PDB file of all heavy atoms in Angstrom:
ATOM      1  N   LYS A   1      76.387 113.965 117.026  1.00  0.00           N
ATOM      2  CA  LYS A   1      76.465 113.102 115.845  1.00  0.00           C
ATOM      3  C   LYS A   1      77.692 113.438 115.018  1.00  0.00           C
ATOM      4  O   LYS A   1      77.959 114.607 114.733  1.00  0.00           O
ATOM      5  CB  LYS A   1      75.197 113.242 114.986  1.00  0.00           C
ATOM      6  CG  LYS A   1      75.199 112.363 113.750  1.00  0.00           C
ATOM      7  CD  LYS A   1      73.814 112.259 113.127  1.00  0.00           C
ATOM      8  CE  LYS A   1      73.332 113.571 112.562  1.00  0.00           C
ATOM      9  NZ  LYS A   1      72.032 113.431 111.870  1.00  0.00           N
ATOM     10  N   ILE A   2      78.414 112.397 114.631  1.00  0.00           N
ATOM     11  CA  ILE A   2      79.546 112.563 113.719  1.00  0.00           C
ATOM     12  C   ILE A   2      79.184 111.911 112.387  1.00  0.00           C
ATOM     13  O   ILE A   2      78.518 110.878 112.339  1.00  0.00           O
ATOM     14  CB  ILE A   2      80.848 111.954 114.283  1.00  0.00           C
ATOM     15  CG1 ILE A   2      80.662 110.484 114.663  1.00  0.00           C
ATOM     16  CG2 ILE A   2      81.318 112.745 115.488  1.00  0.00           C
ATOM     17  CD1 ILE A   2      81.925 109.814 115.184  1.00  0.00           C
ATOM     18  N   THR A   3      79.599 112.540 111.300  1.00  0.00           N
ATOM     19  CA  THR A   3      79.290 112.060 109.951  1.00  0.00           C
ATOM     20  C   THR A   3      80.577 111.949 109.149  1.00  0.00           C
ATOM     21  O   THR A   3      81.432 112.844 109.207  1.00  0.00           O
ATOM     22  CB  THR A   3      78.308 113.013 109.248  1.00  0.00           C
ATOM     23  OG1 THR A   3      77.122 113.122 110.029  1.00  0.00           O
ATOM     24  CG2 THR A   3      77.949 112.501 107.869  1.00  0.00           C
ATOM     25  N   VAL A   4      80.710 110.859 108.399  1.00  0.00           N
ATOM     26  CA  VAL A   4      81.891 110.641 107.568  1.00  0.00           C
ATOM     27  C   VAL A   4      81.436 110.492 106.122  1.00  0.00           C
ATOM     28  O   VAL A   4      80.939 109.430 105.717  1.00  0.00           O
ATOM     29  CB  VAL A   4      82.673 109.388 108.009  1.00  0.00           C
ATOM     30  CG1 VAL A   4      83.934 109.230 107.157  1.00  0.00           C
ATOM     31  CG2 VAL A   4      83.029 109.453 109.479  1.00  0.00           C
ATOM     32  N   PRO A   5      81.569 111.530 105.290  1.00  0.00           N
ATOM     33  CA  PRO A   5      81.171 111.415 103.880  1.00  0.00           C
ATOM     34  C   PRO A   5      82.041 110.392 103.162  1.00  0.00           C
ATOM     35  O   PRO A   5      83.257 110.384 103.305  1.00  0.00           O
ATOM     36  CB  PRO A   5      81.398 112.831 103.335  1.00  0.00           C
ATOM     37  CG  PRO A   5      82.382 113.450 104.274  1.00  0.00           C
ATOM     38  CD  PRO A   5      82.123 112.850 105.617  1.00  0.00           C
ATOM     39  N   GLN A   6      81.387 109.524 102.393  1.00  0.00           N
ATOM     40  CA  GLN A   6      82.110 108.471 101.679  1.00  0.00           C
ATOM     41  C   GLN A   6      82.493 108.972 100.290  1.00  0.00           C
ATOM     42  O   GLN A   6      82.038 108.460  99.254  1.00  0.00           O
ATOM     43  CB  GLN A   6      81.240 107.219 101.609  1.00  0.00           C
ATOM     44  CG  GLN A   6      80.768 106.714 102.959  1.00  0.00           C
ATOM     45  CD  GLN A   6      81.906 106.235 103.837  1.00  0.00           C
ATOM     46  OE1 GLN A   6      82.498 105.185 103.566  1.00  0.00           O
ATOM     47  NE2 GLN A   6      82.224 106.985 104.881  1.00  0.00           N
ATOM     48  N   ASN A   7      83.375 109.966 100.273  1.00  0.00           N
ATOM     49  CA  ASN A   7      83.767 110.607  99.017  1.00  0.00           C
ATOM     50  C   ASN A   7      84.537 109.683  98.084  1.00  0.00           C
ATOM     51  O   ASN A   7      84.649 109.956  96.889  1.00  0.00           O
ATOM     52  CB  ASN A   7      84.619 111.845  99.313  1.00  0.00           C
ATOM     53  CG  ASN A   7      83.847 112.933 100.030  1.00  0.00           C
ATOM     54  OD1 ASN A   7      82.640 113.091  99.828  1.00  0.00           O
ATOM     55  ND2 ASN A   7      84.517 113.683 100.882  1.00  0.00           N
ATOM     56  N   ASP A   8      85.084 108.602  98.643  1.00  0.00           N
ATOM     57  CA  ASP A   8      85.880 107.695  97.820  1.00  0.00           C
ATOM     58  C   ASP A   8      85.032 106.731  96.999  1.00  0.00           C
ATOM     59  O   ASP A   8      85.542 106.087  96.071  1.00  0.00           O
ATOM     60  CB  ASP A   8      86.844 106.898  98.709  1.00  0.00           C
ATOM     61  CG  ASP A   8      86.119 106.022  99.722  1.00  0.00           C
ATOM     62  OD1 ASP A   8      85.055 106.448 100.225  1.00  0.00           O
ATOM     63  OD2 ASP A   8      86.608 104.919 100.018  1.00  0.00           O
ATOM     64  N   LEU A   9      83.749 106.622  97.320  1.00  0.00           N
ATOM     65  CA  LEU A   9      82.869 105.708  96.588  1.00  0.00           C
ATOM     66  C   LEU A   9      82.189 106.460  95.441  1.00  0.00           C
ATOM     67  O   LEU A   9      81.353 107.331  95.671  1.00  0.00           O
ATOM     68  CB  LEU A   9      81.813 105.121  97.530  1.00  0.00           C
ATOM     69  CG  LEU A   9      82.347 104.239  98.661  1.00  0.00           C
ATOM     70  CD1 LEU A   9      81.199 103.780  99.559  1.00  0.00           C
ATOM     71  CD2 LEU A   9      83.122 103.041  98.122  1.00  0.00           C
ATOM     72  N   LYS A  10      82.534 106.140  94.238  1.00  0.00           N
ATOM     73  CA  LYS A  10      81.988 106.824  93.061  1.00  0.00           C
ATOM     74  C   LYS A  10      80.783 106.039  92.540  1.00  0.00           C
ATOM     75  O   LYS A  10      80.876 105.239  91.607  1.00  0.00           O
ATOM     76  CB  LYS A  10      83.062 106.975  91.983  1.00  0.00           C
ATOM     77  CG  LYS A  10      84.337 107.663  92.480  1.00  0.00           C
ATOM     78  CD  LYS A  10      84.051 109.049  93.053  1.00  0.00           C
ATOM     79  CE  LYS A  10      85.317 109.744  93.520  1.00  0.00           C
ATOM     80  NZ  LYS A  10      85.037 111.062  94.150  1.00  0.00           N
ATOM     81  N   VAL A  11      79.651 106.250  93.168  1.00  0.00           N
ATOM     82  CA  VAL A  11      78.451 105.472  92.897  1.00  0.00           C
ATOM     83  C   VAL A  11      77.584 106.187  91.858  1.00  0.00           C
ATOM     84  O   VAL A  11      77.381 107.410  91.930  1.00  0.00           O
ATOM     85  CB  VAL A  11      77.639 105.254  94.189  1.00  0.00           C
ATOM     86  CG1 VAL A  11      76.360 104.464  93.899  1.00  0.00           C
ATOM     87  CG2 VAL A  11      78.491 104.527  95.224  1.00  0.00           C
ATOM     88  N   VAL A  12      77.057 105.418  90.907  1.00  0.00           N
ATOM     89  CA  VAL A  12      76.178 105.951  89.868  1.00  0.00           C
ATOM     90  C   VAL A  12      74.928 105.079  89.801  1.00  0.00           C
ATOM     91  O   VAL A  12      75.012 103.845  89.834  1.00  0.00           O
ATOM     92  CB  VAL A  12      76.878 105.973  88.495  1.00  0.00           C
ATOM     93  CG1 VAL A  12      75.922 106.450  87.406  1.00  0.00           C
ATOM     94  CG2 VAL A  12      78.117 106.860  88.542  1.00  0.00           C
ATOM     95  N   VAL A  13      73.757 105.726  89.718  1.00  0.00           N
ATOM     96  CA  VAL A  13      72.477 105.023  89.561  1.00  0.00           C
ATOM     97  C   VAL A  13      71.724 105.654  88.399  1.00  0.00           C
ATOM     98  O   VAL A  13      71.425 106.854  88.423  1.00  0.00           O
ATOM     99  CB  VAL A  13      71.624 105.111  90.842  1.00  0.00           C
ATOM    100  CG1 VAL A  13      70.292 104.397  90.628  1.00  0.00           C
ATOM    101  CG2 VAL A  13      72.356 104.515  92.030  1.00  0.00           C
ATOM    102  N   ASP A  14      71.442 104.881  87.386  1.00  0.00           N
ATOM    103  CA  ASP A  14      70.684 105.358  86.222  1.00  0.00           C
ATOM    104  C   ASP A  14      71.259 106.650  85.649  1.00  0.00           C
ATOM    105  O   ASP A  14      70.528 107.545  85.207  1.00  0.00           O
ATOM    106  CB  ASP A  14      69.217 105.562  86.590  1.00  0.00           C
ATOM    107  CG  ASP A  14      68.525 104.273  86.972  1.00  0.00           C
ATOM    108  OD1 ASP A  14      69.027 103.195  86.601  1.00  0.00           O
ATOM    109  OD2 ASP A  14      67.476 104.337  87.661  1.00  0.00           O
ATOM    110  N   GLY A  15      72.578 106.758  85.657  1.00  0.00           N
ATOM    111  CA  GLY A  15      73.245 107.926  85.096  1.00  0.00           C
ATOM    112  C   GLY A  15      73.390 109.096  86.052  1.00  0.00           C
ATOM    113  O   GLY A  15      74.012 110.112  85.699  1.00  0.00           O
ATOM    114  N   PHE A  16      72.867 109.006  87.256  1.00  0.00           N
ATOM    115  CA  PHE A  16      72.982 110.071  88.256  1.00  0.00           C
ATOM    116  C   PHE A  16      74.069 109.715  89.268  1.00  0.00           C
ATOM    117  O   PHE A  16      74.100 108.591  89.789  1.00  0.00           O
ATOM    118  CB  PHE A  16      71.658 110.280  88.996  1.00  0.00           C
ATOM    119  CG  PHE A  16      70.561 110.875  88.159  1.00  0.00           C
ATOM    120  CD1 PHE A  16      69.676 110.049  87.473  1.00  0.00           C
ATOM    121  CD2 PHE A  16      70.409 112.248  88.065  1.00  0.00           C
ATOM    122  CE1 PHE A  16      68.656 110.599  86.707  1.00  0.00           C
ATOM    123  CE2 PHE A  16      69.400 112.799  87.294  1.00  0.00           C
ATOM    124  CZ  PHE A  16      68.515 111.974  86.614  1.00  0.00           C
ATOM    125  N   LYS A  17      74.937 110.672  89.573  1.00  0.00           N
ATOM    126  CA  LYS A  17      75.965 110.466  90.583  1.00  0.00           C
ATOM    127  C   LYS A  17      75.337 110.517  91.968  1.00  0.00           C
ATOM    128  O   LYS A  17      74.568 111.432  92.284  1.00  0.00           O
ATOM    129  CB  LYS A  17      77.058 111.537  90.480  1.00  0.00           C
ATOM    130  CG  LYS A  17      77.942 111.415  89.260  1.00  0.00           C
ATOM    131  CD  LYS A  17      79.160 112.317  89.348  1.00  0.00           C
ATOM    132  CE  LYS A  17      78.789 113.790  89.357  1.00  0.00           C
ATOM    133  NZ  LYS A  17      80.009 114.651  89.314  1.00  0.00           N
ATOM    134  N   ILE A  18      75.680 109.545  92.803  1.00  0.00           N
ATOM    135  CA  ILE A  18      75.212 109.527  94.191  1.00  0.00           C
ATOM    136  C   ILE A  18      76.361 110.018  95.069  1.00  0.00           C
ATOM    137  O   ILE A  18      77.364 109.330  95.248  1.00  0.00           O
ATOM    138  CB  ILE A  18      74.777 108.116  94.618  1.00  0.00           C
ATOM    139  CG1 ILE A  18      73.735 107.563  93.645  1.00  0.00           C
ATOM    140  CG2 ILE A  18      74.235 108.137  96.042  1.00  0.00           C
ATOM    141  CD1 ILE A  18      72.477 108.413  93.515  1.00  0.00           C
ATOM    142  N   ILE A  19      76.215 111.213  95.595  1.00  0.00           N
ATOM    143  CA  ILE A  19      77.241 111.802  96.439  1.00  0.00           C
ATOM    144  C   ILE A  19      76.734 111.814  97.891  1.00  0.00           C
ATOM    145  O   ILE A  19      75.557 111.541  98.144  1.00  0.00           O
ATOM    146  CB  ILE A  19      77.614 113.219  95.951  1.00  0.00           C
ATOM    147  CG1 ILE A  19      76.408 114.170  96.065  1.00  0.00           C
ATOM    148  CG2 ILE A  19      78.134 113.165  94.510  1.00  0.00           C
ATOM    149  CD1 ILE A  19      76.763 115.620  95.736  1.00  0.00           C
ATOM    150  N   PRO A  20      77.603 112.095  98.869  1.00  0.00           N
ATOM    151  CA  PRO A  20      77.194 112.014 100.277  1.00  0.00           C
ATOM    152  C   PRO A  20      75.873 112.693 100.626  1.00  0.00           C
ATOM    153  O   PRO A  20      75.054 112.077 101.331  1.00  0.00           O
ATOM    154  CB  PRO A  20      78.384 112.621 101.013  1.00  0.00           C
ATOM    155  CG  PRO A  20      79.548 112.165 100.186  1.00  0.00           C
ATOM    156  CD  PRO A  20      79.072 112.287  98.757  1.00  0.00           C
ATOM    157  N   PRO A  21      75.567 113.921 100.171  1.00  0.00           N
ATOM    158  CA  PRO A  21      74.268 114.502 100.534  1.00  0.00           C
ATOM    159  C   PRO A  21      73.067 113.740  99.969  1.00  0.00           C
ATOM    160  O   PRO A  21      71.943 113.924 100.434  1.00  0.00           O
ATOM    161  CB  PRO A  21      74.343 115.914  99.923  1.00  0.00           C
ATOM    162  CG  PRO A  21      75.794 116.209  99.809  1.00  0.00           C
ATOM    163  CD  PRO A  21      76.420 114.898  99.472  1.00  0.00           C
ATOM    164  N   MET A  22      73.322 112.861  98.997  1.00  0.00           N
ATOM    165  CA  MET A  22      72.258 112.063  98.385  1.00  0.00           C
ATOM    166  C   MET A  22      72.059 110.739  99.131  1.00  0.00           C
ATOM    167  O   MET A  22      71.305 109.881  98.697  1.00  0.00           O
ATOM    168  CB  MET A  22      72.604 111.798  96.916  1.00  0.00           C
ATOM    169  CG  MET A  22      71.428 111.449  96.020  1.00  0.00           C
ATOM    170  SD  MET A  22      70.493 112.884  95.514  1.00  0.00           S
ATOM    171  CE  MET A  22      69.219 112.106  94.483  1.00  0.00           C
ATOM    172  N   GLY A  23      72.755 110.577 100.254  1.00  0.00           N
ATOM    173  CA  GLY A  23      72.616 109.353 101.042  1.00  0.00           C
ATOM    174  C   GLY A  23      73.855 108.491 101.050  1.00  0.00           C
ATOM    175  O   GLY A  23      73.757 107.255 101.080  1.00  0.00           O
ATOM    176  N   LEU A  24      75.037 109.110 101.032  1.00  0.00           N
ATOM    177  CA  LEU A  24      76.284 108.363 101.000  1.00  0.00           C
ATOM    178  C   LEU A  24      77.230 108.874 102.094  1.00  0.00           C
ATOM    179  O   LEU A  24      78.404 109.125 101.845  1.00  0.00           O
ATOM    180  CB  LEU A  24      76.939 108.461  99.619  1.00  0.00           C
ATOM    181  CG  LEU A  24      77.872 107.311  99.223  1.00  0.00           C
ATOM    182  CD1 LEU A  24      77.129 105.996  99.114  1.00  0.00           C
ATOM    183  CD2 LEU A  24      78.579 107.621  97.904  1.00  0.00           C
ATOM    184  N   GLY A  25      76.687 109.021 103.292  1.00  0.00           N
ATOM    185  CA  GLY A  25      77.491 109.458 104.423  1.00  0.00           C
ATOM    186  C   GLY A  25      77.271 108.553 105.624  1.00  0.00           C
ATOM    187  O   GLY A  25      76.144 108.398 106.101  1.00  0.00           O
ATOM    188  N   SER A  26      78.345 107.912 106.104  1.00  0.00           N
ATOM    189  CA  SER A  26      78.236 107.137 107.337  1.00  0.00           C
ATOM    190  C   SER A  26      78.058 108.088 108.516  1.00  0.00           C
ATOM    191  O   SER A  26      78.608 109.195 108.524  1.00  0.00           O
ATOM    192  CB  SER A  26      79.502 106.297 107.567  1.00  0.00           C
ATOM    193  OG  SER A  26      79.654 105.316 106.568  1.00  0.00           O
ATOM    194  N   TRP A  27      77.281 107.674 109.515  1.00  0.00           N
ATOM    195  CA  TRP A  27      77.093 108.522 110.691  1.00  0.00           C
ATOM    196  C   TRP A  27      76.939 107.681 111.949  1.00  0.00           C
ATOM    197  O   TRP A  27      76.506 106.527 111.895  1.00  0.00           O
ATOM    198  CB  TRP A  27      75.897 109.453 110.526  1.00  0.00           C
ATOM    199  CG  TRP A  27      74.571 108.754 110.368  1.00  0.00           C
ATOM    200  CD1 TRP A  27      73.957 108.398 109.204  1.00  0.00           C
ATOM    201  CD2 TRP A  27      73.687 108.313 111.419  1.00  0.00           C
ATOM    202  NE1 TRP A  27      72.761 107.765 109.454  1.00  0.00           N
ATOM    203  CE2 TRP A  27      72.565 107.697 110.799  1.00  0.00           C
ATOM    204  CE3 TRP A  27      73.728 108.385 112.811  1.00  0.00           C
ATOM    205  CZ2 TRP A  27      71.511 107.152 111.548  1.00  0.00           C
ATOM    206  CZ3 TRP A  27      72.685 107.845 113.551  1.00  0.00           C
ATOM    207  CH2 TRP A  27      71.583 107.247 112.918  1.00  0.00           C
ATOM    208  N   VAL A  28      77.323 108.280 113.075  1.00  0.00           N
ATOM    209  CA  VAL A  28      77.137 107.662 114.386  1.00  0.00           C
ATOM    210  C   VAL A  28      76.692 108.752 115.347  1.00  0.00           C
ATOM    211  O   VAL A  28      77.265 109.842 115.366  1.00  0.00           O
ATOM    212  CB  VAL A  28      78.422 106.995 114.904  1.00  0.00           C
ATOM    213  CG1 VAL A  28      78.173 106.359 116.272  1.00  0.00           C
ATOM    214  CG2 VAL A  28      78.940 105.959 113.927  1.00  0.00           C
ATOM    215  N   ALA A  29      75.656 108.460 116.137  1.00  0.00           N
ATOM    216  CA  ALA A  29      75.115 109.447 117.081  1.00  0.00           C
ATOM    217  C   ALA A  29      75.192 108.905 118.501  1.00  0.00           C
ATOM    218  O   ALA A  29      75.046 107.699 118.736  1.00  0.00           O
ATOM    219  CB  ALA A  29      73.667 109.780 116.722  1.00  0.00           C
ATOM    220  N   PHE A  30      75.417 109.823 119.439  1.00  0.00           N
ATOM    221  CA  PHE A  30      75.523 109.490 120.857  1.00  0.00           C
ATOM    222  C   PHE A  30      74.382 110.185 121.608  1.00  0.00           C
ATOM    223  O   PHE A  30      74.217 111.399 121.508  1.00  0.00           O
ATOM    224  CB  PHE A  30      76.853 109.984 121.429  1.00  0.00           C
ATOM    225  CG  PHE A  30      78.069 109.337 120.821  1.00  0.00           C
ATOM    226  CD1 PHE A  30      78.530 109.722 119.562  1.00  0.00           C
ATOM    227  CD2 PHE A  30      78.774 108.352 121.504  1.00  0.00           C
ATOM    228  CE1 PHE A  30      79.657 109.140 119.004  1.00  0.00           C
ATOM    229  CE2 PHE A  30      79.906 107.760 120.953  1.00  0.00           C
ATOM    230  CZ  PHE A  30      80.343 108.151 119.706  1.00  0.00           C
TER     231      PHE A  30
END
């Protein structure tokens, strides 16, 4: 499995920052 963290997307929900470990990482598995 390869994972690409989407660090360029500065997403905020209800005042909380959503970073890759919070569900902001694209992935593809073989």
